[in-house]
């Protein structure tokens, strides 16, 4: 779906028109309005407030021996994807064939815990499956798919599952979250707008186009590149607040580059 134009989006369109017409002074004023953090925050909150297709629940409640379960933490394992109040994730769209996936992992790495990331097609067939060791303390994590990873196909929906394996011999105790993603074709108008803009303006364009993965990744990358920007810091903190992560003290994250080819370990019970 397409979202209603906010003040920031309208200002961005006006600024682009003014720049093309050569009116630099008025364009600067319009761009200042486009960089309004309140407008960006409204766009980001709209992802969770809208009525869109939904997938399965983002979390799993499994039974198992207490000693095999992952420790109870607050906040828990969190997938940074919009969802309804009852935990039903929306089917988020992307124009990238290999988008980044974002999570908050609450577990310490002292026990050499493994994580597993699976992408499943609409026929319940695993199209990608990778395991890796968690090497960093609790915090935000970005899963980055390399160019040799199987590409998402335009027009296809996929379910993904991310799990932390606290006891490899008893998978019923995994901490696990899941969500849905659909790859769509990039419209020519969108491509032209992205080519003509950068930074905060691109975040606004992605958000207005309903592209969550691009919105979050661009925001995170820009915030990391400009950590002193009060606008970016404010929007990033507001985004984390949407997922109950406003108490995090660090704005940094860990990037795990996943193996480029699909591996086939023992499958996660579904």
Protein backbone atom coordinates (compact mmCIF):
# COMPACT_ATOMS: atom_id res chain seq x y z
CA UNK A 1 0.00 0.00 0.00
CA UNK A 2 1.01 3.63 -0.26
CA UNK A 3 0.99 5.89 2.74
CA UNK A 4 -0.52 9.36 2.94
CA UNK A 5 1.95 12.11 2.16
CA UNK A 6 3.31 13.72 5.30
CA UNK A 7 4.69 17.24 5.58
CA UNK A 8 8.23 15.95 5.11
CA UNK A 9 7.32 14.03 1.93
CA UNK A 10 5.50 17.01 0.42
CA UNK A 11 8.41 19.28 1.24
CA UNK A 12 10.79 16.84 -0.43
CA UNK A 13 8.77 16.84 -3.65
CA UNK A 14 8.59 20.63 -3.61
CA UNK A 15 12.33 20.86 -3.02
CA UNK A 16 13.07 18.55 -5.94
CA UNK A 17 10.90 20.67 -8.24
CA UNK A 18 12.55 23.87 -7.07
CA UNK A 19 16.02 22.44 -7.56
CA UNK A 20 15.16 21.43 -11.11
CA UNK A 21 13.83 24.94 -11.79
CA UNK A 22 17.01 26.53 -10.41
CA UNK A 23 15.44 28.21 -7.36
CA UNK A 24 18.12 27.22 -4.86
CA UNK A 25 17.01 29.45 -1.99
CA UNK A 26 13.46 28.14 -1.85
CA UNK A 27 14.77 24.61 -2.39
CA UNK A 28 16.92 24.90 0.72
CA UNK A 29 13.88 25.99 2.75
CA UNK A 30 11.84 23.05 1.46
CA UNK A 31 14.64 20.61 2.19
CA UNK A 32 14.81 21.91 5.76
CA UNK A 33 11.14 21.00 6.13
CA UNK A 34 11.81 17.57 4.64
CA UNK A 35 14.43 16.98 7.32
CA UNK A 36 11.83 17.47 10.02
CA UNK A 37 12.38 14.61 12.53
CA UNK A 38 8.71 14.67 13.55
CA UNK A 39 7.70 13.89 9.97
CA UNK A 40 10.12 10.96 9.75
CA UNK A 41 8.93 9.59 13.08
CA UNK A 42 5.34 9.74 11.87
CA UNK A 43 6.28 7.83 8.73
CA UNK A 44 8.02 5.11 10.72
CA UNK A 45 5.14 4.74 13.19
CA UNK A 46 2.76 4.41 10.24
CA UNK A 47 4.23 1.01 9.39
CA UNK A 48 2.69 -0.47 12.56
CA UNK A 49 -0.48 1.61 12.47
CA UNK A 50 -1.61 0.66 8.98
CA UNK A 51 -3.84 -2.13 7.73
CA UNK A 52 -1.78 -4.39 5.50
CA UNK A 53 -1.33 -8.10 4.74
CA UNK A 54 -0.03 -10.05 7.74
CA UNK A 55 1.93 -13.22 8.21
CA UNK A 56 2.38 -15.59 11.12
CA UNK A 57 3.23 -14.57 14.68
CA UNK A 58 6.69 -13.08 15.27
CA UNK A 59 7.45 -15.26 18.28
CA UNK A 60 7.14 -18.94 19.16
CA UNK A 61 6.19 -20.48 22.46
CA UNK A 62 7.80 -23.88 22.75
CA UNK A 63 7.75 -26.44 25.50
CA UNK A 64 10.84 -28.18 26.81
CA UNK A 65 12.92 -28.78 29.90
CA UNK A 66 13.65 -25.59 31.81
CA UNK A 67 17.40 -26.23 31.76
CA UNK A 68 17.32 -26.30 27.94
CA UNK A 69 15.57 -23.00 27.42
CA UNK A 70 17.28 -19.73 26.65
CA UNK A 71 17.53 -17.44 29.69
CA UNK A 72 14.61 -15.13 30.34
CA UNK A 73 15.68 -11.60 29.46
CA UNK A 74 14.15 -8.16 29.34
CA UNK A 75 13.98 -7.07 26.58
CA UNK A 76 13.67 -10.48 24.93
CA UNK A 77 14.85 -11.50 21.47
CA UNK A 78 13.24 -8.96 19.12
CA UNK A 79 12.85 -8.81 15.35
CA UNK A 80 12.92 -5.22 14.14
CA UNK A 81 9.89 -5.55 11.89
CA UNK A 82 6.51 -3.84 12.36
CA UNK A 83 3.76 -5.97 13.85
CA UNK A 84 0.29 -5.68 15.29
CA UNK A 85 -0.18 -5.39 19.08
CA UNK A 86 -0.81 -9.16 19.24
CA UNK A 87 2.52 -9.93 17.55
CA UNK A 88 1.38 -10.58 13.99
CA UNK A 89 4.01 -9.23 11.57
CA UNK A 90 3.06 -7.47 8.39
CA UNK A 91 4.31 -8.75 5.06
CA UNK A 92 6.98 -6.12 4.51
CA UNK A 93 8.13 -5.27 1.00
CA UNK A 94 11.62 -4.78 -0.37
CA UNK A 95 13.07 -3.85 -3.73
CA UNK A 96 16.41 -5.47 -2.92
CA UNK A 97 17.29 -9.01 -3.87
CA UNK A 98 19.37 -9.41 -0.70
CA UNK A 99 18.09 -7.05 2.01
CA UNK A 100 19.50 -6.79 5.51
CA UNK A 101 17.55 -8.20 8.48
CA UNK A 102 17.69 -6.55 11.91
CA UNK A 103 17.28 -7.99 15.41
CA UNK A 104 17.96 -7.30 19.04
CA UNK A 105 19.82 -10.22 20.63
CA UNK A 106 19.74 -10.18 24.46
CA UNK A 107 22.11 -13.08 25.13
CA UNK A 108 25.78 -12.87 26.07
CA UNK A 109 28.26 -14.61 23.79
CA UNK A 110 30.27 -16.25 26.58
CA UNK A 111 28.68 -19.65 25.95
CA UNK A 112 29.45 -19.78 22.22
CA UNK A 113 25.79 -19.84 21.33
CA UNK A 114 24.87 -20.41 17.72
CA UNK A 115 22.21 -18.58 15.78
CA UNK A 116 20.31 -19.83 12.76
CA UNK A 117 18.66 -17.88 9.96
CA UNK A 118 16.29 -19.55 7.50
CA UNK A 119 14.41 -18.18 4.49
CA UNK A 120 11.39 -20.26 3.42
CA UNK A 121 9.36 -19.88 0.24
CA UNK A 122 5.58 -20.02 -0.09
CA UNK A 123 5.76 -23.79 -0.62
CA UNK A 124 7.44 -24.21 2.79
CA UNK A 125 10.75 -25.08 1.12
CA UNK A 126 13.96 -23.78 2.67
CA UNK A 127 15.71 -21.61 0.10
CA UNK A 128 18.43 -20.46 2.49
CA UNK A 129 19.69 -21.80 5.81
CA UNK A 130 22.77 -20.60 7.68
CA UNK A 131 24.25 -21.00 11.16
CA UNK A 132 26.82 -18.78 12.82
CA UNK A 133 28.30 -18.23 16.28
CA UNK A 134 27.29 -15.17 18.28
CA UNK A 135 30.52 -13.39 19.11
CA UNK A 136 29.34 -10.07 20.54
CA UNK A 137 27.53 -8.90 23.70
CA UNK A 138 23.77 -8.16 23.71
CA UNK A 139 22.65 -5.51 21.25
CA UNK A 140 21.31 -4.70 17.81
CA UNK A 141 22.38 -7.12 15.09
CA UNK A 142 22.32 -6.76 11.32
CA UNK A 143 22.28 -9.90 9.20
CA UNK A 144 23.89 -9.13 5.87
CA UNK A 145 23.42 -11.45 2.91
CA UNK A 146 26.41 -11.69 0.59
CA UNK A 147 26.15 -11.45 -3.19
CA UNK A 148 26.47 -15.21 -3.54
CA UNK A 149 23.40 -15.78 -1.36
CA UNK A 150 20.29 -16.93 -3.28
CA UNK A 151 18.45 -13.80 -4.42
CA UNK A 152 14.84 -13.06 -3.51
CA UNK A 153 12.64 -13.18 -6.62
CA UNK A 154 10.37 -10.32 -7.69
CA UNK A 155 6.72 -11.07 -6.94
CA UNK A 156 7.53 -13.79 -4.40
CA UNK A 157 6.78 -13.87 -0.67
CA UNK A 158 9.07 -15.53 1.84
CA UNK A 159 8.96 -16.35 5.51
CA UNK A 160 12.14 -16.01 7.52
CA UNK A 161 13.00 -17.50 10.90
CA UNK A 162 15.78 -16.34 13.19
CA UNK A 163 16.68 -18.52 16.18
CA UNK A 164 19.24 -18.53 18.96
CA UNK A 165 20.19 -22.12 19.77
CA UNK A 166 20.68 -22.34 23.53
CA UNK A 167 20.87 -26.14 23.48
CA UNK A 168 21.66 -27.69 20.06
CA UNK A 169 20.52 -31.12 21.29
CA UNK A 170 17.07 -29.81 22.25
CA UNK A 171 15.74 -27.33 19.69
CA UNK A 172 12.44 -26.96 21.56
CA UNK A 173 14.20 -24.48 23.83
CA UNK A 174 15.31 -22.10 21.06
CA UNK A 175 14.54 -18.42 21.31
CA UNK A 176 12.97 -17.67 17.94
CA UNK A 177 11.26 -14.91 15.98
CA UNK A 178 9.93 -14.90 12.44
CA UNK A 179 8.40 -12.64 9.83
CA UNK A 180 7.47 -12.22 6.18
CA UNK A 181 9.02 -10.39 3.26
CA UNK A 182 7.96 -9.81 -0.34
CA UNK A 183 10.23 -8.59 -3.07
CA UNK A 184 8.63 -6.09 -5.45
CA UNK A 185 9.92 -4.35 -8.55
CA UNK A 186 11.23 -0.81 -8.15
CA UNK A 187 9.08 1.66 -10.04
CA UNK A 188 10.87 4.04 -12.39
CA UNK A 189 9.50 7.04 -10.48
CA UNK A 190 10.98 5.70 -7.26
CA UNK A 191 14.35 5.11 -8.88
CA UNK A 192 14.45 8.68 -10.21
CA UNK A 193 13.58 10.10 -6.81
CA UNK A 194 16.28 8.07 -5.11
CA UNK A 195 18.88 9.14 -7.67
CA UNK A 196 18.02 12.80 -7.07
CA UNK A 197 18.22 12.63 -3.26
CA UNK A 198 20.30 11.27 -0.41
CA UNK A 199 20.34 10.87 3.36
CA UNK A 200 17.20 11.79 5.26
CA UNK A 201 15.32 12.42 2.05
CA UNK A 202 15.88 8.84 0.92
CA UNK A 203 14.61 7.52 4.24
CA UNK A 204 11.41 9.50 3.69
CA UNK A 205 11.05 8.18 0.14
CA UNK A 206 11.52 4.57 1.24
CA UNK A 207 9.02 5.00 4.07
CA UNK A 208 6.40 6.58 1.85
CA UNK A 209 6.84 3.70 -0.60
CA UNK A 210 6.17 1.17 2.16
CA UNK A 211 9.67 -0.34 1.98
CA UNK A 212 10.47 -1.18 5.59
CA UNK A 213 13.78 -2.97 5.11
CA UNK A 214 15.22 -0.12 3.05
CA UNK A 215 13.85 2.47 5.50
CA UNK A 216 15.46 0.86 8.55
CA UNK A 217 18.78 -0.01 6.88
CA UNK A 218 19.22 3.46 5.38
CA UNK A 219 18.37 5.09 8.72
CA UNK A 220 20.83 2.87 10.60
CA UNK A 221 23.64 3.41 8.11
CA UNK A 222 23.13 7.16 8.05
CA UNK A 223 23.01 7.35 11.84
CA UNK A 224 26.24 5.39 12.09
CA UNK A 225 27.90 7.67 9.54
CA UNK A 226 26.70 10.81 11.34
CA UNK A 227 26.38 9.85 15.03
CA UNK A 228 26.40 13.50 16.14
CA UNK A 229 23.32 14.43 14.12
CA UNK A 230 20.51 15.26 16.60
CA UNK A 231 17.86 14.55 13.96
CA UNK A 232 19.20 11.10 13.14
CA UNK A 233 19.74 10.25 16.80
CA UNK A 234 16.18 11.28 17.64
CA UNK A 235 14.63 9.30 14.77
CA UNK A 236 16.77 6.22 15.55
CA UNK A 237 15.78 6.29 19.23
CA UNK A 238 12.13 6.69 18.30
CA UNK A 239 12.43 3.68 15.99
CA UNK A 240 13.91 1.54 18.77
CA UNK A 241 11.14 2.73 21.09
CA UNK A 242 8.61 1.26 18.67
CA UNK A 243 10.11 -2.15 19.49
CA UNK A 244 10.42 -1.62 23.24
CA UNK A 245 14.16 -1.01 22.97
CA UNK A 246 14.31 2.61 24.13
CA UNK A 247 16.45 1.62 27.14
CA UNK A 248 19.44 0.61 24.98
CA UNK A 249 22.48 2.71 25.84
CA UNK A 250 24.46 2.08 22.63
CA UNK A 251 23.64 3.29 19.13
CA UNK A 252 26.04 0.80 17.55
CA UNK A 253 25.29 -2.63 16.13
CA UNK A 254 27.03 -5.84 15.11
CA UNK A 255 27.01 -6.97 11.48
CA UNK A 256 27.12 -10.68 10.73
CA UNK A 257 27.86 -11.46 7.07
CA UNK A 258 26.13 -14.76 6.45
CA UNK A 259 27.62 -17.52 4.30
CA UNK A 260 27.09 -16.95 0.61
CA UNK A 261 25.73 -20.41 -0.15
CA UNK A 262 22.88 -22.23 1.47
CA UNK A 263 23.92 -24.74 4.12
CA UNK A 264 21.76 -27.66 5.10
CA UNK A 265 22.00 -28.41 8.83
CA UNK A 266 19.30 -30.19 10.78
CA UNK A 267 16.13 -28.23 10.15
CA UNK A 268 14.39 -26.13 12.75
CA UNK A 269 11.08 -27.70 13.87
CA UNK A 270 8.18 -25.65 12.60
